[in-house]
C-alpha atoms as a PDB file:
ATOM      1  CA  MET A   1      19.923  -1.597  19.142  1.00  0.00           C
ATOM      2  CA  SER A   2      18.706   1.865  18.182  1.00  0.00           C
ATOM      3  CA  TYR A   3      16.521   2.088  15.101  1.00  0.00           C
ATOM      4  CA  ALA A   4      16.227   5.859  15.395  1.00  0.00           C
ATOM      5  CA  LEU A   5      19.578   6.496  13.697  1.00  0.00           C
ATOM      6  CA  ALA A   6      20.131   3.347  11.666  1.00  0.00           C
ATOM      7  CA  ARG A   7      19.208   3.139   8.007  1.00  0.00           C
ATOM      8  CA  LYS A   8      19.253  -0.647   8.124  1.00  0.00           C
ATOM      9  CA  PRO A   9      17.077  -2.570   7.923  1.00  0.00           C
ATOM     10  CA  ILE A  10      15.307  -0.751   5.103  1.00  0.00           C
ATOM     11  CA  VAL A  11      11.986   0.500   6.404  1.00  0.00           C
ATOM     12  CA  VAL A  12       9.181   0.486   3.827  1.00  0.00           C
ATOM     13  CA  ASP A  13       5.820   2.164   4.325  1.00  0.00           C
ATOM     14  CA  ALA A  14       3.626   0.588   1.658  1.00  0.00           C
ATOM     15  CA  LEU A  15       0.965   3.311   1.714  1.00  0.00           C
ATOM     16  CA  GLN A  16       0.817   6.977   2.575  1.00  0.00           C
ATOM     17  CA  TYR A  17      -1.403   9.694   1.140  1.00  0.00           C
ATOM     18  CA  ASN A  18      -0.094  12.929   2.541  1.00  0.00           C
ATOM     19  CA  LYS A  19      -0.438  16.295   0.932  1.00  0.00           C
ATOM     20  CA  PRO A  20       2.991  16.153  -0.722  1.00  0.00           C
ATOM     21  CA  GLU A  21       5.320  18.759   0.764  1.00  0.00           C
ATOM     22  CA  ARG A  22       8.826  19.015   2.155  1.00  0.00           C
ATOM     23  CA  ALA A  23       7.702  18.769   5.792  1.00  0.00           C
ATOM     24  CA  ARG A  24       6.509  15.202   5.141  1.00  0.00           C
ATOM     25  CA  PHE A  25       9.749  14.293   3.369  1.00  0.00           C
ATOM     26  CA  LYS A  26      11.729  15.532   6.376  1.00  0.00           C
ATOM     27  CA  GLU A  27       9.611  13.330   8.634  1.00  0.00           C
ATOM     28  CA  TRP A  28      10.434  10.323   6.460  1.00  0.00           C
ATOM     29  CA  SER A  29      14.115  11.079   6.851  1.00  0.00           C
ATOM     30  CA  GLU A  30      13.878  11.605  10.607  1.00  0.00           C
ATOM     31  CA  GLY A  31      11.940   8.362  10.976  1.00  0.00           C
ATOM     32  CA  GLY A  32      14.538   6.400   9.010  1.00  0.00           C
ATOM     33  CA  ILE A  33      12.085   5.397   6.282  1.00  0.00           C
ATOM     34  CA  GLY A  34      13.831   4.087   3.206  1.00  0.00           C
ATOM     35  CA  CYS A  35      10.808   3.802   0.913  1.00  0.00           C
ATOM     36  CA  VAL A  36       7.252   5.121   0.767  1.00  0.00           C
ATOM     37  CA  HIS A  37       4.534   4.059  -1.664  1.00  0.00           C
ATOM     38  CA  VAL A  38       2.655   7.294  -2.407  1.00  0.00           C
ATOM     39  CA  THR A  39      -0.850   7.748  -3.793  1.00  0.00           C
ATOM     40  CA  LEU A  40      -1.129   9.618  -7.096  1.00  0.00           C
ATOM     41  CA  ALA A  41      -4.824   8.995  -7.713  1.00  0.00           C
ATOM     42  CA  ILE A  42      -8.037   7.750  -6.143  1.00  0.00           C
ATOM     43  CA  TRP A  43     -10.910   8.968  -8.346  1.00  0.00           C
ATOM     44  CA  GLU A  44      -8.830  10.863 -10.891  1.00  0.00           C
ATOM     45  CA  ASN A  45      -9.099  10.083 -14.583  1.00  0.00           C
ATOM     46  CA  ALA A  46      -6.104   9.726 -16.904  1.00  0.00           C
ATOM     47  CA  ARG A  47      -5.726  13.442 -17.648  1.00  0.00           C
ATOM     48  CA  GLU A  48      -5.933  14.459 -13.990  1.00  0.00           C
ATOM     49  CA  THR A  49      -3.458  11.763 -13.031  1.00  0.00           C
ATOM     50  CA  LEU A  50      -0.946  13.020 -15.577  1.00  0.00           C
ATOM     51  CA  THR A  51      -1.050  16.369 -13.811  1.00  0.00           C
ATOM     52  CA  ALA A  52      -0.434  14.651 -10.462  1.00  0.00           C
ATOM     53  CA  ILE A  53       2.587  12.859 -11.926  1.00  0.00           C
ATOM     54  CA  GLY A  54       3.914  16.151 -13.274  1.00  0.00           C
ATOM     55  CA  GLU A  55       3.517  17.783  -9.868  1.00  0.00           C
ATOM     56  CA  TRP A  56       5.307  14.901  -8.155  1.00  0.00           C
ATOM     57  CA  ASN A  57       8.106  15.012 -10.716  1.00  0.00           C
ATOM     58  CA  ARG A  58       8.691  18.666  -9.802  1.00  0.00           C
ATOM     59  CA  LEU A  59       8.695  17.786  -6.103  1.00  0.00           C
ATOM     60  CA  LEU A  60      11.307  15.122  -6.754  1.00  0.00           C
ATOM     61  CA  GLU A  61      13.522  17.683  -8.475  1.00  0.00           C
ATOM     62  CA  GLN A  62      13.054  20.322  -5.774  1.00  0.00           C
ATOM     63  CA  ASN A  63      13.645  17.902  -2.893  1.00  0.00           C
ATOM     64  CA  SER A  64      16.313  15.648  -4.388  1.00  0.00           C
ATOM     65  CA  ASP A  65      18.337  15.846  -1.158  1.00  0.00           C
ATOM     66  CA  LEU A  66      15.541  13.947   0.615  1.00  0.00           C
ATOM     67  CA  ILE A  67      13.634  11.859  -1.951  1.00  0.00           C
ATOM     68  CA  ALA A  68      14.042  10.134  -5.316  1.00  0.00           C
ATOM     69  CA  LEU A  69      11.756   8.094  -7.563  1.00  0.00           C
ATOM     70  CA  ALA A  70      12.258   4.324  -7.537  1.00  0.00           C
ATOM     71  CA  THR A  71      10.899   1.934 -10.155  1.00  0.00           C
ATOM     72  CA  THR A  72      12.860  -1.185  -9.137  1.00  0.00           C
ATOM     73  CA  ALA A  73      13.912  -2.842  -5.895  1.00  0.00           C
ATOM     74  CA  GLU A  74      17.528  -2.104  -6.755  1.00  0.00           C
ATOM     75  CA  GLU A  75      16.734   1.609  -6.975  1.00  0.00           C
ATOM     76  CA  ILE A  76      14.956   1.443  -3.618  1.00  0.00           C
ATOM     77  CA  GLU A  77      18.047  -0.106  -2.035  1.00  0.00           C
ATOM     78  CA  ARG A  78      20.400   2.413  -3.665  1.00  0.00           C
ATOM     79  CA  ILE A  79      18.297   5.434  -2.675  1.00  0.00           C
ATOM     80  CA  ALA A  80      17.846   4.213   0.898  1.00  0.00           C
ATOM     81  CA  ALA A  81      21.595   3.546   1.169  1.00  0.00           C
ATOM     82  CA  SER A  82      22.196   7.186   0.183  1.00  0.00           C
ATOM     83  CA  GLY A  83      20.239   8.355   3.228  1.00  0.00           C
ATOM     84  CA  ARG A  84      17.202   9.444   1.231  1.00  0.00           C
ATOM     85  CA  THR A  85      13.693   8.006   0.875  1.00  0.00           C
ATOM     86  CA  ALA A  86      12.685   6.144  -2.269  1.00  0.00           C
ATOM     87  CA  VAL A  87       9.275   7.148  -3.626  1.00  0.00           C
ATOM     88  CA  VAL A  88       7.184   4.479  -5.370  1.00  0.00           C
ATOM     89  CA  TYR A  89       4.285   5.783  -7.471  1.00  0.00           C
ATOM     90  CA  GLY A  90       0.927   4.075  -7.049  1.00  0.00           C
ATOM     91  CA  PHE A  91      -2.840   4.375  -7.525  1.00  0.00           C
ATOM     92  CA  GLN A  92      -5.594   3.535  -5.034  1.00  0.00           C
ATOM     93  CA  ASP A  93      -7.998   2.881  -7.909  1.00  0.00           C
ATOM     94  CA  THR A  94      -7.760   1.846 -11.556  1.00  0.00           C
ATOM     95  CA  SER A  95      -9.748   4.944 -12.608  1.00  0.00           C
ATOM     96  CA  PRO A  96      -6.668   6.412 -14.389  1.00  0.00           C
ATOM     97  CA  PHE A  97      -6.838   3.462 -16.814  1.00  0.00           C
ATOM     98  CA  GLU A  98     -10.389   4.532 -17.723  1.00  0.00           C
ATOM     99  CA  ASP A  99     -11.660   1.898 -20.164  1.00  0.00           C
ATOM    100  CA  ASP A 100      -8.461   1.666 -22.184  1.00  0.00           C
ATOM    101  CA  ILE A 101      -6.082  -1.187 -21.458  1.00  0.00           C
ATOM    102  CA  GLU A 102      -3.322   0.614 -23.397  1.00  0.00           C
ATOM    103  CA  LEU A 103      -3.109   3.246 -20.643  1.00  0.00           C
ATOM    104  CA  ILE A 104      -1.685   0.693 -18.210  1.00  0.00           C
ATOM    105  CA  GLU A 105       1.593   0.565 -20.120  1.00  0.00           C
ATOM    106  CA  ILE A 106       1.666   4.344 -20.494  1.00  0.00           C
ATOM    107  CA  PHE A 107       1.452   4.818 -16.739  1.00  0.00           C
ATOM    108  CA  TYR A 108       3.997   2.063 -16.186  1.00  0.00           C
ATOM    109  CA  GLN A 109       6.415   3.952 -18.450  1.00  0.00           C
ATOM    110  CA  LEU A 110       5.770   7.066 -16.320  1.00  0.00           C
ATOM    111  CA  GLY A 111       6.879   5.188 -13.211  1.00  0.00           C
ATOM    112  CA  VAL A 112       3.680   3.771 -11.692  1.00  0.00           C
ATOM    113  CA  ARG A 113       4.416   0.418 -10.083  1.00  0.00           C
ATOM    114  CA  ILE A 114       1.384  -0.353  -7.873  1.00  0.00           C
ATOM    115  CA  ALA A 115      -2.340  -0.101  -8.604  1.00  0.00           C
ATOM    116  CA  GLN A 116      -5.248  -0.981  -6.352  1.00  0.00           C
ATOM    117  CA  LEU A 117      -8.079  -2.516  -8.355  1.00  0.00           C
ATOM    118  CA  THR A 118     -10.758  -0.302  -6.837  1.00  0.00           C
ATOM    119  CA  TYR A 119     -11.303   2.117  -3.975  1.00  0.00           C
ATOM    120  CA  ASN A 120     -14.348   1.064  -1.899  1.00  0.00           C
ATOM    121  CA  VAL A 121     -16.905   0.941  -4.747  1.00  0.00           C
ATOM    122  CA  GLN A 122     -17.670  -0.998  -7.911  1.00  0.00           C
ATOM    123  CA  ASN A 123     -15.773  -0.008 -11.039  1.00  0.00           C
ATOM    124  CA  ARG A 124     -15.087  -1.585 -14.412  1.00  0.00           C
ATOM    125  CA  VAL A 125     -12.373  -3.802 -12.979  1.00  0.00           C
ATOM    126  CA  ALA A 126     -13.559  -5.044  -9.594  1.00  0.00           C
ATOM    127  CA  SER A 127     -15.688  -4.456  -6.519  1.00  0.00           C
ATOM    128  CA  GLY A 128     -14.839  -2.438  -3.429  1.00  0.00           C
ATOM    129  CA  CYS A 129     -15.474  -3.173   0.214  1.00  0.00           C
ATOM    130  CA  TRP A 130     -18.660  -1.060   0.418  1.00  0.00           C
ATOM    131  CA  GLU A 131     -20.332  -3.302  -2.164  1.00  0.00           C
ATOM    132  CA  PRO A 132     -21.989  -6.713  -1.600  1.00  0.00           C
ATOM    133  CA  ASP A 133     -19.512  -9.357  -0.453  1.00  0.00           C
ATOM    134  CA  GLU A 134     -20.197 -11.669  -3.405  1.00  0.00           C
ATOM    135  CA  ASN A 135     -19.038  -9.115  -6.004  1.00  0.00           C
ATOM    136  CA  GLY A 136     -15.561  -9.725  -7.376  1.00  0.00           C
ATOM    137  CA  VAL A 137     -13.263  -9.051 -10.329  1.00  0.00           C
ATOM    138  CA  SER A 138     -15.061  -8.510 -13.627  1.00  0.00           C
ATOM    139  CA  LYS A 139     -14.565 -11.606 -15.707  1.00  0.00           C
ATOM    140  CA  PHE A 140     -13.466  -9.828 -18.883  1.00  0.00           C
ATOM    141  CA  PHE A 141     -12.033  -6.334 -18.411  1.00  0.00           C
ATOM    142  CA  GLY A 142     -10.894  -6.986 -14.841  1.00  0.00           C
ATOM    143  CA  ARG A 143      -9.090 -10.210 -15.702  1.00  0.00           C
ATOM    144  CA  ASN A 144      -7.431  -8.529 -18.678  1.00  0.00           C
ATOM    145  CA  VAL A 145      -6.292  -5.581 -16.548  1.00  0.00           C
ATOM    146  CA  ILE A 146      -4.691  -7.975 -14.067  1.00  0.00           C
ATOM    147  CA  ALA A 147      -3.006  -9.897 -16.896  1.00  0.00           C
ATOM    148  CA  GLU A 148      -1.634  -6.660 -18.373  1.00  0.00           C
ATOM    149  CA  MET A 149      -0.369  -5.493 -14.972  1.00  0.00           C
ATOM    150  CA  ASN A 150       1.307  -8.883 -14.533  1.00  0.00           C
ATOM    151  CA  ARG A 151       2.927  -8.637 -17.969  1.00  0.00           C
ATOM    152  CA  LEU A 152       4.343  -5.185 -17.407  1.00  0.00           C
ATOM    153  CA  GLY A 153       5.425  -5.462 -13.792  1.00  0.00           C
ATOM    154  CA  MET A 154       2.756  -3.443 -11.966  1.00  0.00           C
ATOM    155  CA  LEU A 155       1.835  -4.885  -8.570  1.00  0.00           C
ATOM    156  CA  VAL A 156      -1.845  -5.668  -7.953  1.00  0.00           C
ATOM    157  CA  ASP A 157      -3.181  -4.198  -4.681  1.00  0.00           C
ATOM    158  CA  VAL A 158      -6.568  -5.136  -3.163  1.00  0.00           C
ATOM    159  CA  SER A 159      -6.584  -3.202   0.127  1.00  0.00           C
ATOM    160  CA  HIS A 160     -10.024  -1.558  -0.324  1.00  0.00           C
ATOM    161  CA  CYS A 161     -11.656  -4.464  -2.182  1.00  0.00           C
ATOM    162  CA  THR A 162     -14.321  -6.997  -1.260  1.00  0.00           C
ATOM    163  CA  GLU A 163     -13.180 -10.375  -0.026  1.00  0.00           C
ATOM    164  CA  ARG A 164     -14.405 -11.921  -3.281  1.00  0.00           C
ATOM    165  CA  THR A 165     -12.340  -9.457  -5.291  1.00  0.00           C
ATOM    166  CA  CYS A 166      -9.290 -10.278  -3.184  1.00  0.00           C
ATOM    167  CA  PHE A 167      -9.661 -14.012  -3.679  1.00  0.00           C
ATOM    168  CA  ASP A 168     -10.372 -13.537  -7.397  1.00  0.00           C
ATOM    169  CA  ALA A 169      -7.294 -11.343  -7.837  1.00  0.00           C
ATOM    170  CA  ILE A 170      -5.094 -13.948  -6.160  1.00  0.00           C
ATOM    171  CA  GLU A 171      -6.426 -16.650  -8.449  1.00  0.00           C
ATOM    172  CA  TYR A 172      -6.386 -14.614 -11.675  1.00  0.00           C
ATOM    173  CA  SER A 173      -2.943 -13.091 -11.111  1.00  0.00           C
ATOM    174  CA  SER A 174       0.065 -15.010 -12.368  1.00  0.00           C
ATOM    175  CA  ARG A 175       2.209 -13.134  -9.824  1.00  0.00           C
ATOM    176  CA  PRO A 176       1.811 -12.569  -6.069  1.00  0.00           C
ATOM    177  CA  ILE A 177      -0.414  -9.652  -5.103  1.00  0.00           C
ATOM    178  CA  ALA A 178      -0.394  -7.196  -2.197  1.00  0.00           C
ATOM    179  CA  ILE A 179      -2.688  -5.889   0.482  1.00  0.00           C
ATOM    180  CA  THR A 180      -0.685  -2.749   1.107  1.00  0.00           C
ATOM    181  CA  HIS A 181      -2.723  -1.357   4.010  1.00  0.00           C
ATOM    182  CA  ALA A 182      -5.217  -3.364   6.058  1.00  0.00           C
ATOM    183  CA  ASN A 183      -5.385  -5.346   9.291  1.00  0.00           C
ATOM    184  CA  PRO A 184      -6.652  -8.824  10.255  1.00  0.00           C
ATOM    185  CA  SER A 185     -10.346  -8.534  11.064  1.00  0.00           C
ATOM    186  CA  GLU A 186     -10.240 -11.512  13.443  1.00  0.00           C
ATOM    187  CA  PHE A 187      -7.724  -9.717  15.663  1.00  0.00           C
ATOM    188  CA  VAL A 188      -9.179  -6.200  15.388  1.00  0.00           C
ATOM    189  CA  GLY A 189     -12.863  -7.101  15.649  1.00  0.00           C
ATOM    190  CA  THR A 190     -15.790  -5.284  14.068  1.00  0.00           C
ATOM    191  CA  ASP A 191     -16.341  -2.490  16.594  1.00  0.00           C
ATOM    192  CA  ILE A 192     -14.432   0.051  14.510  1.00  0.00           C
ATOM    193  CA  GLU A 193     -15.544   2.715  12.041  1.00  0.00           C
ATOM    194  CA  LEU A 194     -14.224   1.031   8.892  1.00  0.00           C
ATOM    195  CA  ASN A 195     -14.546  -2.648   9.790  1.00  0.00           C
ATOM    196  CA  ARG A 196     -15.181  -3.665   6.162  1.00  0.00           C
ATOM    197  CA  ARG A 197     -11.669  -2.505   5.275  1.00  0.00           C
ATOM    198  CA  ASN A 198      -9.944  -5.312   7.201  1.00  0.00           C
ATOM    199  CA  LYS A 199      -9.268  -8.809   5.921  1.00  0.00           C
ATOM    200  CA  SER A 200     -10.415 -12.265   6.996  1.00  0.00           C
ATOM    201  CA  THR A 201      -8.183 -15.008   8.290  1.00  0.00           C
ATOM    202  CA  PRO A 202      -8.834 -17.313   5.272  1.00  0.00           C
ATOM    203  CA  LEU A 203      -7.875 -14.488   2.919  1.00  0.00           C
ATOM    204  CA  ILE A 204      -4.662 -13.676   4.784  1.00  0.00           C
ATOM    205  CA  LYS A 205      -3.737 -17.368   4.714  1.00  0.00           C
ATOM    206  CA  ARG A 206      -4.364 -17.553   0.975  1.00  0.00           C
ATOM    207  CA  LEU A 207      -2.301 -14.404   0.422  1.00  0.00           C
ATOM    208  CA  ALA A 208       0.567 -16.024   2.332  1.00  0.00           C
ATOM    209  CA  GLU A 209       0.304 -19.281   0.387  1.00  0.00           C
ATOM    210  CA  THR A 210       0.768 -17.391  -2.879  1.00  0.00           C
ATOM    211  CA  GLY A 211       3.693 -15.218  -1.786  1.00  0.00           C
ATOM    212  CA  GLY A 212       1.858 -11.945  -1.198  1.00  0.00           C
ATOM    213  CA  VAL A 213       2.450  -9.397   1.570  1.00  0.00           C
ATOM    214  CA  LEU A 214       0.047  -7.714   4.010  1.00  0.00           C
ATOM    215  CA  GLY A 215       0.849  -4.183   5.184  1.00  0.00           C
ATOM    216  CA  LEU A 216      -0.329  -3.758   8.774  1.00  0.00           C
ATOM    217  CA  SER A 217      -1.710  -0.292   9.410  1.00  0.00           C
ATOM    218  CA  MET A 218      -1.652   2.237  12.259  1.00  0.00           C
ATOM    219  CA  TYR A 219      -4.700   4.019  10.801  1.00  0.00           C
ATOM    220  CA  PRO A 220      -7.010   4.484  13.815  1.00  0.00           C
ATOM    221  CA  LYS A 221     -10.211   3.730  11.922  1.00  0.00           C
ATOM    222  CA  ILE A 222      -9.056   0.146  11.214  1.00  0.00           C
ATOM    223  CA  MET A 223      -7.141  -0.615  14.447  1.00  0.00           C
ATOM    224  CA  ARG A 224      -8.381  -2.289  17.595  1.00  0.00           C
ATOM    225  CA  ASP A 225      -9.373   0.495  20.047  1.00  0.00           C
ATOM    226  CA  GLY A 226      -8.951   3.139  17.340  1.00  0.00           C
ATOM    227  CA  SER A 227      -6.976   6.184  18.447  1.00  0.00           C
ATOM    228  CA  ASN A 228      -6.557   4.580  21.868  1.00  0.00           C
ATOM    229  CA  CYS A 229      -4.735   1.553  20.487  1.00  0.00           C
ATOM    230  CA  THR A 230      -1.520   1.089  22.444  1.00  0.00           C
ATOM    231  CA  LEU A 231       1.857   0.136  21.041  1.00  0.00           C
ATOM    232  CA  ASP A 232       1.603  -3.143  22.948  1.00  0.00           C
ATOM    233  CA  THR A 233      -1.700  -3.904  21.233  1.00  0.00           C
ATOM    234  CA  PHE A 234      -0.258  -3.097  17.820  1.00  0.00           C
ATOM    235  CA  ILE A 235       2.698  -5.397  18.463  1.00  0.00           C
ATOM    236  CA  ASP A 236       0.219  -8.026  19.681  1.00  0.00           C
ATOM    237  CA  MET A 237      -1.332  -7.771  16.203  1.00  0.00           C
ATOM    238  CA  ILE A 238       2.054  -8.240  14.552  1.00  0.00           C
ATOM    239  CA  SER A 239       2.681 -11.300  16.736  1.00  0.00           C
ATOM    240  CA  TRP A 240      -0.806 -12.669  16.093  1.00  0.00           C
ATOM    241  CA  THR A 241      -0.341 -12.331  12.331  1.00  0.00           C
ATOM    242  CA  ALA A 242       3.136 -13.872  12.479  1.00  0.00           C
ATOM    243  CA  ASP A 243       1.717 -16.852  14.383  1.00  0.00           C
ATOM    244  CA  LEU A 244      -0.989 -17.159  11.716  1.00  0.00           C
ATOM    245  CA  VAL A 245       1.093 -16.970   8.528  1.00  0.00           C
ATOM    246  CA  GLY A 246       4.748 -16.420   9.487  1.00  0.00           C
ATOM    247  CA  VAL A 247       6.915 -13.321   9.301  1.00  0.00           C
ATOM    248  CA  ASP A 248       7.499 -13.531   5.540  1.00  0.00           C
ATOM    249  CA  THR A 249       3.970 -12.265   4.798  1.00  0.00           C
ATOM    250  CA  ILE A 250       4.028  -9.151   7.004  1.00  0.00           C
ATOM    251  CA  GLY A 251       5.026  -5.577   6.294  1.00  0.00           C
ATOM    252  CA  PHE A 252       3.788  -2.093   7.177  1.00  0.00           C
ATOM    253  CA  GLY A 253       1.350   0.127   5.297  1.00  0.00           C
ATOM    254  CA  THR A 254       0.469   2.935   7.667  1.00  0.00           C
ATOM    255  CA  ASP A 255      -2.237   4.654   5.554  1.00  0.00           C
ATOM    256  CA  TYR A 256      -0.834   7.821   7.114  1.00  0.00           C
ATOM    257  CA  TYR A 257      -2.058  11.141   5.808  1.00  0.00           C
ATOM    258  CA  ASP A 258      -1.435  14.713   6.886  1.00  0.00           C
ATOM    259  CA  GLY A 259      -1.835  18.210   5.526  1.00  0.00           C
ATOM    260  CA  TRP A 260      -5.336  17.793   4.093  1.00  0.00           C
ATOM    261  CA  PRO A 261      -8.502  19.647   5.133  1.00  0.00           C
ATOM    262  CA  GLU A 262     -11.425  17.579   6.426  1.00  0.00           C
ATOM    263  CA  SER A 263     -13.234  18.232   3.146  1.00  0.00           C
ATOM    264  CA  GLN A 264     -10.664  15.971   1.492  1.00  0.00           C
ATOM    265  CA  ILE A 265     -12.031  13.001   3.421  1.00  0.00           C
ATOM    266  CA  LYS A 266     -15.411  13.615   1.833  1.00  0.00           C
ATOM    267  CA  TRP A 267     -13.753  13.568  -1.586  1.00  0.00           C
ATOM    268  CA  TRP A 268     -12.026  10.284  -0.749  1.00  0.00           C
ATOM    269  CA  ARG A 269     -15.213   8.755   0.622  1.00  0.00           C
ATOM    270  CA  ALA A 270     -17.788  10.042  -1.903  1.00  0.00           C
ATOM    271  CA  GLY A 271     -15.777  10.811  -5.015  1.00  0.00           C
ATOM    272  CA  ARG A 272     -17.875  11.752  -8.024  1.00  0.00           C
ATOM    273  CA  TRP A 273     -20.407   9.012  -7.378  1.00  0.00           C
ATOM    274  CA  SER A 274     -22.340  10.503  -4.479  1.00  0.00           C
ATOM    275  CA  ARG A 275     -22.887  13.732  -2.565  1.00  0.00           C
ATOM    276  CA  GLU A 276     -22.359  11.873   0.693  1.00  0.00           C
ATOM    277  CA  SER A 277     -20.150   9.040   1.918  1.00  0.00           C
ATOM    278  CA  ALA A 278     -21.671   5.562   2.009  1.00  0.00           C
ATOM    279  CA  ILE A 279     -20.305   5.339   5.552  1.00  0.00           C
ATOM    280  CA  PRO A 280     -20.861   8.344   7.854  1.00  0.00           C
ATOM    281  CA  ILE A 281     -17.761  10.516   8.118  1.00  0.00           C
ATOM    282  CA  LYS A 282     -16.673  11.103  11.703  1.00  0.00           C
ATOM    283  CA  GLY A 283     -13.861  13.437  10.771  1.00  0.00           C
ATOM    284  CA  PHE A 284     -10.176  12.955  11.364  1.00  0.00           C
ATOM    285  CA  SER A 285      -9.235  10.411  14.006  1.00  0.00           C
ATOM    286  CA  ALA A 286      -6.214  11.244  16.139  1.00  0.00           C
ATOM    287  CA  TRP A 287      -3.203   9.078  15.436  1.00  0.00           C
ATOM    288  CA  PRO A 288      -2.061   7.041  18.462  1.00  0.00           C
ATOM    289  CA  THR A 289       0.440   8.670  20.815  1.00  0.00           C
ATOM    290  CA  TRP A 290       3.211   6.283  19.747  1.00  0.00           C
ATOM    291  CA  PHE A 291       2.717   7.075  16.047  1.00  0.00           C
ATOM    292  CA  LYS A 292       1.884  10.738  15.563  1.00  0.00           C
ATOM    293  CA  SER A 293       3.877  10.917  12.317  1.00  0.00           C
ATOM    294  CA  SER A 294       6.501   9.044  10.330  1.00  0.00           C
ATOM    295  CA  VAL A 295       9.136  10.329  12.770  1.00  0.00           C
ATOM    296  CA  ASP A 296       7.829   7.759  15.256  1.00  0.00           C
ATOM    297  CA  PHE A 297       8.517   4.663  13.143  1.00  0.00           C
ATOM    298  CA  PRO A 298      11.461   3.654  15.402  1.00  0.00           C
ATOM    299  CA  ASN A 299       8.985   3.208  18.294  1.00  0.00           C
ATOM    300  CA  ILE A 300       7.488   0.218  16.501  1.00  0.00           C
ATOM    301  CA  LEU A 301      10.797  -1.426  15.672  1.00  0.00           C
ATOM    302  CA  GLU A 302      12.124  -0.909  19.189  1.00  0.00           C
ATOM    303  CA  GLY A 303       8.862  -2.300  20.587  1.00  0.00           C
ATOM    304  CA  MET A 304       9.237  -5.382  18.402  1.00  0.00           C
ATOM    305  CA  GLU A 305      12.793  -5.854  19.628  1.00  0.00           C
ATOM    306  CA  LYS A 306      11.671  -5.625  23.263  1.00  0.00           C
ATOM    307  CA  ARG A 307       8.923  -8.160  22.541  1.00  0.00           C
ATOM    308  CA  GLY A 308      11.544 -10.662  21.372  1.00  0.00           C
ATOM    309  CA  PHE A 309      11.486 -10.436  17.594  1.00  0.00           C
ATOM    310  CA  SER A 310      14.920 -11.278  16.208  1.00  0.00           C
ATOM    311  CA  GLY A 311      16.927  -8.848  14.114  1.00  0.00           C
ATOM    312  CA  GLU A 312      16.202 -10.939  11.012  1.00  0.00           C
ATOM    313  CA  GLU A 313      12.457 -10.958  11.717  1.00  0.00           C
ATOM    314  CA  ILE A 314      12.411  -7.204  12.295  1.00  0.00           C
ATOM    315  CA  ALA A 315      14.318  -6.633   9.058  1.00  0.00           C
ATOM    316  CA  LYS A 316      11.780  -8.679   7.086  1.00  0.00           C
ATOM    317  CA  ILE A 317       8.717  -7.013   8.606  1.00  0.00           C
ATOM    318  CA  ALA A 318      10.200  -3.505   8.553  1.00  0.00           C
ATOM    319  CA  GLY A 319      10.723  -3.614   4.813  1.00  0.00           C
ATOM    320  CA  GLY A 320      12.555  -6.700   3.633  1.00  0.00           C
ATOM    321  CA  ASN A 321       9.373  -8.510   2.652  1.00  0.00           C
ATOM    322  CA  TRP A 322       8.200  -5.548   0.585  1.00  0.00           C
ATOM    323  CA  VAL A 323      11.568  -5.209  -1.134  1.00  0.00           C
ATOM    324  CA  ARG A 324      11.469  -8.920  -1.981  1.00  0.00           C
ATOM    325  CA  LEU A 325       7.970  -8.610  -3.436  1.00  0.00           C
ATOM    326  CA  PHE A 326       8.885  -5.437  -5.332  1.00  0.00           C
ATOM    327  CA  ARG A 327      12.008  -7.111  -6.738  1.00  0.00           C
ATOM    328  CA  ASP A 328       9.869  -9.847  -8.243  1.00  0.00           C
ATOM    329  CA  SER A 329       6.893  -7.649  -9.182  1.00  0.00           C
ATOM    330  CA  PHE A 330       8.257  -4.451 -10.732  1.00  0.00           C
ATOM    331  CA  VAL A 331       9.926  -6.063 -13.742  1.00  0.00           C
ATOM    332  CA  PRO A 332       8.174  -7.225 -16.930  1.00  0.00           C
ATOM    333  CA  ILE A 333       7.557 -10.902 -17.514  1.00  0.00           C
ATOM    334  CA  GLN A 334      10.210 -12.136 -19.901  1.00  0.00           C
ATOM    335  CA  MET A 335       8.453 -13.466 -22.984  1.00  0.00           C
ATOM    336  CA  PRO A 336      10.102 -16.232 -25.028  1.00  0.00           C
ATOM    337  CA  ALA A 337      11.885 -14.980 -28.112  1.00  0.00           C
ATOM    338  CA  ALA A 338       9.898 -15.414 -31.307  1.00  0.00           C
ATOM    339  CA  ALA A 339      11.148 -18.151 -33.573  1.00  0.00           C
ATOM    340  CA  SER A 340      13.104 -16.826 -36.531  1.00  0.00           C
ATOM    341  CA  ALA A 341      11.439 -17.094 -39.923  1.00  0.00           C
ATOM    342  CA  ALA A 342      12.446 -20.084 -41.984  1.00  0.00           C
END
């Protein structure tokens, strides 16, 4: 089986943050990627995020032969079937909501379908992975944000959150949540630059029990052996996770980025809250030889096939599990009709 030319199964990358430009969209096409969750905002406020949405909307118009916006699973499937890549709008922080719960619906109406509760640090909603482990979702505003996201059909993401925040979000959410881009800390170990980004075995098990999905990442700073991680080791991690929780919980979230200057990392790490990163910045880490860009996605699927994963298992992990979660998550909760007046 050759995954280099096939558009099926649908391949979903649940997190990229490239500088948006046509070269990246061509790579998605060459790699057979049917859907990419893109980052619109990390530290941006509502006004800045509106500009980012406007810029992306123009890109969608100018590159309509390669990409199209998707707000439902059905749109993802239709766009992928057309040979293009579906773009799903998302945030890596709830900063665009500011302190106004009404903004959640506004951004939903503009196409945003995924929002991470916080990016590394403490905010009004929840606590990030650089904060003390015992900090979690704020009991008032945070719980209400999750409830509003549930109501509308905006998927809760906890990739950069503390373990407590992750467990809280699972318990407070009436719908399954996502970890779009992280790896199992028990498999990877702690001898990596961003070890606090990965997730514990109890958390991954709880995510699986509640129907969530974990996006395994090729990002060198959170992989075993970093840039020297081999394809065999990465597939070992897929197998290890499948043995732990089954194939229905696993997807991909590469955390791939390209086109940015190194100064952008400092912005991602420090934001407006500090002049320096809380964790020393070691610069860009080289992507592994088997995944230099999105063009190389078929290497992973072919490696899984050689390892003995069935076609059905590959289809689920490649993107089927994400599409299933998106199908259930991107639509509003149907409220019971109000009783007619007597």
